[in-house]
PDB file of N, CA and C in Angstrom:
ATOM      1  N   UNK A   1     -29.227  77.020 143.343  1.00  0.00           N
ATOM      2  CA  UNK A   1     -29.753  76.696 144.653  1.00  0.00           C
ATOM      3  C   UNK A   1     -28.715  75.884 145.423  1.00  0.00           C
ATOM      4  N   UNK A   2     -28.460  76.283 146.629  1.00  0.00           N
ATOM      5  CA  UNK A   2     -27.495  75.592 147.477  1.00  0.00           C
ATOM      6  C   UNK A   2     -28.197  74.471 148.234  1.00  0.00           C
ATOM      7  N   UNK A   3     -27.621  73.279 148.186  1.00  0.00           N
ATOM      8  CA  UNK A   3     -28.177  72.145 148.916  1.00  0.00           C
ATOM      9  C   UNK A   3     -27.621  72.153 150.331  1.00  0.00           C
ATOM     10  N   UNK A   4     -28.509  72.082 151.294  1.00  0.00           N
ATOM     11  CA  UNK A   4     -28.097  72.079 152.692  1.00  0.00           C
ATOM     12  C   UNK A   4     -27.524  70.718 153.061  1.00  0.00           C
ATOM     13  N   UNK A   5     -26.412  70.715 153.770  1.00  0.00           N
ATOM     14  CA  UNK A   5     -25.779  69.472 154.207  1.00  0.00           C
ATOM     15  C   UNK A   5     -26.308  69.061 155.571  1.00  0.00           C
ATOM     16  N   UNK A   6     -26.391  67.761 155.803  1.00  0.00           N
ATOM     17  CA  UNK A   6     -26.824  67.299 157.123  1.00  0.00           C
ATOM     18  C   UNK A   6     -25.822  67.697 158.206  1.00  0.00           C
ATOM     19  N   UNK A   7     -26.332  68.100 159.354  1.00  0.00           N
ATOM     20  CA  UNK A   7     -25.493  68.355 160.539  1.00  0.00           C
ATOM     21  C   UNK A   7     -25.800  67.221 161.516  1.00  0.00           C
ATOM     22  N   UNK A   8     -24.925  66.251 161.549  1.00  0.00           N
ATOM     23  CA  UNK A   8     -25.142  65.015 162.303  1.00  0.00           C
ATOM     24  C   UNK A   8     -24.933  65.221 163.795  1.00  0.00           C
ATOM     25  N   UNK A   9     -25.760  64.539 164.602  1.00  0.00           N
ATOM     26  CA  UNK A   9     -25.523  64.506 166.037  1.00  0.00           C
ATOM     27  C   UNK A   9     -26.008  63.183 166.605  1.00  0.00           C
ATOM     28  N   UNK A  10     -25.394  62.829 167.719  1.00  0.00           N
ATOM     29  CA  UNK A  10     -25.721  61.596 168.429  1.00  0.00           C
ATOM     30  C   UNK A  10     -26.306  61.971 169.774  1.00  0.00           C
ATOM     31  N   UNK A  11     -27.279  61.226 170.223  1.00  0.00           N
ATOM     32  CA  UNK A  11     -27.935  61.505 171.496  1.00  0.00           C
ATOM     33  C   UNK A  11     -26.946  61.472 172.652  1.00  0.00           C
ATOM     34  N   UNK A  12     -27.155  62.344 173.607  1.00  0.00           N
ATOM     35  CA  UNK A  12     -26.328  62.322 174.818  1.00  0.00           C
ATOM     36  C   UNK A  12     -26.621  61.086 175.657  1.00  0.00           C
ATOM     37  N   UNK A  13     -27.709  60.380 175.352  1.00  0.00           N
ATOM     38  CA  UNK A  13     -28.057  59.151 176.054  1.00  0.00           C
ATOM     39  C   UNK A  13     -27.367  57.923 175.460  1.00  0.00           C
ATOM     40  N   UNK A  14     -26.657  58.099 174.362  1.00  0.00           N
ATOM     41  CA  UNK A  14     -25.982  56.975 173.728  1.00  0.00           C
ATOM     42  C   UNK A  14     -24.918  56.418 174.658  1.00  0.00           C
ATOM     43  N   UNK A  15     -24.851  55.093 174.712  1.00  0.00           N
ATOM     44  CA  UNK A  15     -23.821  54.481 175.545  1.00  0.00           C
ATOM     45  C   UNK A  15     -22.512  54.434 174.778  1.00  0.00           C
ATOM     46  N   UNK A  16     -21.474  53.961 175.423  1.00  0.00           N
ATOM     47  CA  UNK A  16     -20.170  53.879 174.785  1.00  0.00           C
ATOM     48  C   UNK A  16     -19.941  52.513 174.156  1.00  0.00           C
ATOM     49  N   UNK A  17     -20.984  51.703 174.048  1.00  0.00           N
ATOM     50  CA  UNK A  17     -20.858  50.378 173.470  1.00  0.00           C
ATOM     51  C   UNK A  17     -20.803  50.372 171.953  1.00  0.00           C
ATOM     52  N   UNK A  18     -21.002  51.509 171.318  1.00  0.00           N
ATOM     53  CA  UNK A  18     -20.888  51.595 169.878  1.00  0.00           C
ATOM     54  C   UNK A  18     -22.165  51.315 169.110  1.00  0.00           C
ATOM     55  N   UNK A  19     -23.273  51.007 169.796  1.00  0.00           N
ATOM     56  CA  UNK A  19     -24.537  50.739 169.110  1.00  0.00           C
ATOM     57  C   UNK A  19     -25.360  52.017 169.040  1.00  0.00           C
ATOM     58  N   UNK A  20     -24.914  52.938 168.211  1.00  0.00           N
ATOM     59  CA  UNK A  20     -25.549  54.254 168.176  1.00  0.00           C
ATOM     60  C   UNK A  20     -25.915  54.639 166.759  1.00  0.00           C
ATOM     61  N   UNK A  21     -26.891  55.495 166.656  1.00  0.00           N
ATOM     62  CA  UNK A  21     -27.240  56.108 165.378  1.00  0.00           C
ATOM     63  C   UNK A  21     -27.085  57.612 165.517  1.00  0.00           C
ATOM     64  N   UNK A  22     -26.927  58.260 164.393  1.00  0.00           N
ATOM     65  CA  UNK A  22     -26.870  59.711 164.348  1.00  0.00           C
ATOM     66  C   UNK A  22     -28.023  60.200 163.478  1.00  0.00           C
ATOM     67  N   UNK A  23     -28.518  61.373 163.789  1.00  0.00           N
ATOM     68  CA  UNK A  23     -29.582  61.982 162.998  1.00  0.00           C
ATOM     69  C   UNK A  23     -29.172  63.397 162.614  1.00  0.00           C
ATOM     70  N   UNK A  24     -29.809  63.894 161.576  1.00  0.00           N
ATOM     71  CA  UNK A  24     -29.569  65.265 161.121  1.00  0.00           C
ATOM     72  C   UNK A  24     -30.912  65.982 161.055  1.00  0.00           C
ATOM     73  N   UNK A  25     -31.313  66.534 162.168  1.00  0.00           N
ATOM     74  CA  UNK A  25     -32.627  67.176 162.270  1.00  0.00           C
ATOM     75  C   UNK A  25     -32.690  68.519 161.548  1.00  0.00           C
ATOM     76  N   UNK A  26     -31.574  69.034 161.094  1.00  0.00           N
ATOM     77  CA  UNK A  26     -31.578  70.343 160.448  1.00  0.00           C
ATOM     78  C   UNK A  26     -32.252  70.341 159.076  1.00  0.00           C
ATOM     79  N   UNK A  27     -32.577  69.173 158.525  1.00  0.00           N
ATOM     80  CA  UNK A  27     -33.196  69.121 157.203  1.00  0.00           C
ATOM     81  C   UNK A  27     -34.720  69.036 157.249  1.00  0.00           C
ATOM     82  N   UNK A  28     -35.303  69.047 158.447  1.00  0.00           N
ATOM     83  CA  UNK A  28     -36.757  68.948 158.576  1.00  0.00           C
ATOM     84  C   UNK A  28     -37.446  70.123 157.899  1.00  0.00           C
ATOM     85  N   UNK A  29     -37.031  71.325 158.191  1.00  0.00           N
ATOM     86  CA  UNK A  29     -37.709  72.505 157.651  1.00  0.00           C
ATOM     87  C   UNK A  29     -37.569  72.623 156.136  1.00  0.00           C
ATOM     88  N   UNK A  30     -36.393  72.357 155.616  1.00  0.00           N
ATOM     89  CA  UNK A  30     -36.164  72.564 154.183  1.00  0.00           C
ATOM     90  C   UNK A  30     -36.581  71.372 153.317  1.00  0.00           C
ATOM     91  N   UNK A  31     -36.487  70.138 153.860  1.00  0.00           N
ATOM     92  CA  UNK A  31     -36.754  68.965 153.040  1.00  0.00           C
ATOM     93  C   UNK A  31     -37.803  68.015 153.618  1.00  0.00           C
ATOM     94  N   UNK A  32     -38.196  68.222 154.870  1.00  0.00           N
ATOM     95  CA  UNK A  32     -39.214  67.383 155.487  1.00  0.00           C
ATOM     96  C   UNK A  32     -38.755  65.987 155.841  1.00  0.00           C
ATOM     97  N   UNK A  33     -37.431  65.816 155.989  1.00  0.00           N
ATOM     98  CA  UNK A  33     -36.871  64.497 156.315  1.00  0.00           C
ATOM     99  C   UNK A  33     -35.914  64.595 157.496  1.00  0.00           C
ATOM    100  N   UNK A  34     -35.686  63.433 158.119  1.00  0.00           N
ATOM    101  CA  UNK A  34     -34.654  63.294 159.152  1.00  0.00           C
ATOM    102  C   UNK A  34     -33.745  62.160 158.686  1.00  0.00           C
ATOM    103  N   UNK A  35     -32.559  62.484 158.161  1.00  0.00           N
ATOM    104  CA  UNK A  35     -31.621  61.438 157.783  1.00  0.00           C
ATOM    105  C   UNK A  35     -31.096  60.722 159.032  1.00  0.00           C
ATOM    106  N   UNK A  36     -30.929  59.402 158.919  1.00  0.00           N
ATOM    107  CA  UNK A  36     -30.433  58.579 160.028  1.00  0.00           C
ATOM    108  C   UNK A  36     -29.308  57.706 159.494  1.00  0.00           C
ATOM    109  N   UNK A  37     -28.221  57.566 160.262  1.00  0.00           N
ATOM    110  CA  UNK A  37     -27.107  56.711 159.848  1.00  0.00           C
ATOM    111  C   UNK A  37     -26.478  56.029 161.050  1.00  0.00           C
ATOM    112  N   UNK A  38     -25.714  55.000 160.800  1.00  0.00           N
ATOM    113  CA  UNK A  38     -24.944  54.287 161.823  1.00  0.00           C
ATOM    114  C   UNK A  38     -23.748  55.153 162.189  1.00  0.00           C
ATOM    115  N   UNK A  39     -23.571  55.435 163.465  1.00  0.00           N
ATOM    116  CA  UNK A  39     -22.482  56.317 163.880  1.00  0.00           C
ATOM    117  C   UNK A  39     -21.102  55.703 163.664  1.00  0.00           C
ATOM    118  N   UNK A  40     -21.039  54.382 163.521  1.00  0.00           N
ATOM    119  CA  UNK A  40     -19.753  53.725 163.297  1.00  0.00           C
ATOM    120  C   UNK A  40     -19.351  53.703 161.825  1.00  0.00           C
ATOM    121  N   UNK A  41     -20.310  53.931 160.922  1.00  0.00           N
ATOM    122  CA  UNK A  41     -20.055  53.857 159.481  1.00  0.00           C
ATOM    123  C   UNK A  41     -20.537  55.162 158.849  1.00  0.00           C
ATOM    124  N   UNK A  42     -19.805  56.224 159.104  1.00  0.00           N
ATOM    125  CA  UNK A  42     -20.267  57.550 158.689  1.00  0.00           C
ATOM    126  C   UNK A  42     -20.331  57.709 157.174  1.00  0.00           C
ATOM    127  N   UNK A  43     -19.603  56.915 156.422  1.00  0.00           N
ATOM    128  CA  UNK A  43     -19.674  56.974 154.968  1.00  0.00           C
ATOM    129  C   UNK A  43     -20.617  55.915 154.404  1.00  0.00           C
ATOM    130  N   UNK A  44     -21.326  55.229 155.276  1.00  0.00           N
ATOM    131  CA  UNK A  44     -22.246  54.174 154.869  1.00  0.00           C
ATOM    132  C   UNK A  44     -23.592  54.726 154.460  1.00  0.00           C
ATOM    133  N   UNK A  45     -24.567  53.832 154.340  1.00  0.00           N
ATOM    134  CA  UNK A  45     -25.893  54.249 153.875  1.00  0.00           C
ATOM    135  C   UNK A  45     -26.605  55.160 154.871  1.00  0.00           C
ATOM    136  N   UNK A  46     -27.482  55.978 154.332  1.00  0.00           N
ATOM    137  CA  UNK A  46     -28.301  56.894 155.119  1.00  0.00           C
ATOM    138  C   UNK A  46     -29.765  56.591 154.803  1.00  0.00           C
ATOM    139  N   UNK A  47     -30.583  56.509 155.835  1.00  0.00           N
ATOM    140  CA  UNK A  47     -32.011  56.303 155.659  1.00  0.00           C
ATOM    141  C   UNK A  47     -32.698  57.649 155.885  1.00  0.00           C
ATOM    142  N   UNK A  48     -33.436  58.116 154.878  1.00  0.00           N
ATOM    143  CA  UNK A  48     -34.190  59.364 155.009  1.00  0.00           C
ATOM    144  C   UNK A  48     -35.598  59.032 155.504  1.00  0.00           C
ATOM    145  N   UNK A  49     -35.906  59.479 156.717  1.00  0.00           N
ATOM    146  CA  UNK A  49     -37.200  59.205 157.343  1.00  0.00           C
ATOM    147  C   UNK A  49     -38.030  60.482 157.278  1.00  0.00           C
ATOM    148  N   UNK A  50     -39.278  60.359 156.846  1.00  0.00           N
ATOM    149  CA  UNK A  50     -40.160  61.542 156.826  1.00  0.00           C
ATOM    150  C   UNK A  50     -40.286  62.098 158.242  1.00  0.00           C
ATOM    151  N   UNK A  51     -40.336  63.402 158.350  1.00  0.00           N
ATOM    152  CA  UNK A  51     -40.353  64.064 159.653  1.00  0.00           C
ATOM    153  C   UNK A  51     -41.506  63.591 160.531  1.00  0.00           C
ATOM    154  N   UNK A  52     -42.696  63.413 159.965  1.00  0.00           N
ATOM    155  CA  UNK A  52     -43.853  62.971 160.755  1.00  0.00           C
ATOM    156  C   UNK A  52     -43.637  61.565 161.305  1.00  0.00           C
ATOM    157  N   UNK A  53     -43.045  60.683 160.501  1.00  0.00           N
ATOM    158  CA  UNK A  53     -42.775  59.321 160.960  1.00  0.00           C
ATOM    159  C   UNK A  53     -41.714  59.319 162.057  1.00  0.00           C
ATOM    160  N   UNK A  54     -40.696  60.154 161.917  1.00  0.00           N
ATOM    161  CA  UNK A  54     -39.661  60.231 162.944  1.00  0.00           C
ATOM    162  C   UNK A  54     -40.246  60.773 164.249  1.00  0.00           C
ATOM    163  N   UNK A  55     -41.098  61.778 164.155  1.00  0.00           N
ATOM    164  CA  UNK A  55     -41.749  62.324 165.356  1.00  0.00           C
ATOM    165  C   UNK A  55     -42.600  61.268 166.049  1.00  0.00           C
ATOM    166  N   UNK A  56     -43.323  60.463 165.264  1.00  0.00           N
ATOM    167  CA  UNK A  56     -44.140  59.391 165.837  1.00  0.00           C
ATOM    168  C   UNK A  56     -43.260  58.342 166.512  1.00  0.00           C
ATOM    169  N   UNK A  57     -42.130  58.028 165.918  1.00  0.00           N
ATOM    170  CA  UNK A  57     -41.186  57.084 166.521  1.00  0.00           C
ATOM    171  C   UNK A  57     -40.670  57.610 167.859  1.00  0.00           C
ATOM    172  N   UNK A  58     -40.240  58.864 167.880  1.00  0.00           N
ATOM    173  CA  UNK A  58     -39.720  59.461 169.117  1.00  0.00           C
ATOM    174  C   UNK A  58     -40.807  59.472 170.199  1.00  0.00           C
ATOM    175  N   UNK A  59     -42.024  59.797 169.830  1.00  0.00           N
ATOM    176  CA  UNK A  59     -43.132  59.790 170.794  1.00  0.00           C
ATOM    177  C   UNK A  59     -43.353  58.379 171.345  1.00  0.00           C
ATOM    178  N   UNK A  60     -43.242  57.371 170.484  1.00  0.00           N
ATOM    179  CA  UNK A  60     -43.381  55.987 170.927  1.00  0.00           C
ATOM    180  C   UNK A  60     -42.281  55.573 171.886  1.00  0.00           C
ATOM    181  N   UNK A  61     -41.061  56.002 171.609  1.00  0.00           N
ATOM    182  CA  UNK A  61     -39.940  55.706 172.517  1.00  0.00           C
ATOM    183  C   UNK A  61     -40.186  56.366 173.871  1.00  0.00           C
ATOM    184  N   UNK A  62     -40.581  57.622 173.845  1.00  0.00           N
ATOM    185  CA  UNK A  62     -40.830  58.343 175.094  1.00  0.00           C
ATOM    186  C   UNK A  62     -41.969  57.726 175.889  1.00  0.00           C
ATOM    187  N   UNK A  63     -42.932  57.119 175.207  1.00  0.00           N
ATOM    188  CA  UNK A  63     -44.078  56.484 175.871  1.00  0.00           C
ATOM    189  C   UNK A  63     -43.772  55.057 176.338  1.00  0.00           C
ATOM    190  N   UNK A  64     -42.567  54.572 176.033  1.00  0.00           N
ATOM    191  CA  UNK A  64     -42.178  53.235 176.453  1.00  0.00           C
ATOM    192  C   UNK A  64     -42.726  52.107 175.587  1.00  0.00           C
ATOM    193  N   UNK A  65     -43.132  52.431 174.384  1.00  0.00           N
ATOM    194  CA  UNK A  65     -43.723  51.428 173.504  1.00  0.00           C
ATOM    195  C   UNK A  65     -42.726  50.402 172.991  1.00  0.00           C
ATOM    196  N   UNK A  66     -41.436  50.683 173.071  1.00  0.00           N
ATOM    197  CA  UNK A  66     -40.428  49.804 172.507  1.00  0.00           C
ATOM    198  C   UNK A  66     -39.508  49.195 173.564  1.00  0.00           C
ATOM    199  N   UNK A  67     -39.959  49.124 174.789  1.00  0.00           N
ATOM    200  CA  UNK A  67     -39.136  48.544 175.856  1.00  0.00           C
ATOM    201  C   UNK A  67     -38.845  47.090 175.551  1.00  0.00           C
ATOM    202  N   UNK A  68     -37.600  46.697 175.750  1.00  0.00           N
ATOM    203  CA  UNK A  68     -37.201  45.306 175.528  1.00  0.00           C
ATOM    204  C   UNK A  68     -37.777  44.429 176.623  1.00  0.00           C
ATOM    205  N   UNK A  69     -38.169  43.239 176.246  1.00  0.00           N
ATOM    206  CA  UNK A  69     -38.756  42.298 177.216  1.00  0.00           C
ATOM    207  C   UNK A  69     -37.674  41.630 178.025  1.00  0.00           C
TER     208      UNK A  69
END
């Protein structure tokens, strides 16, 4: 069985200040996870987030639930 590799991407909304994360959404269908990593430390740790939790997070961001005070 061939293990699928993450295909990392960074949001087009990311600023150039370096505070960015990358995600690999291509693993949702095969593994049910969205790996997340720091874009500045590509060989660093990766957090595997369950697809449903990541979707809920994105929905919360879109709804403005995490706006900074």
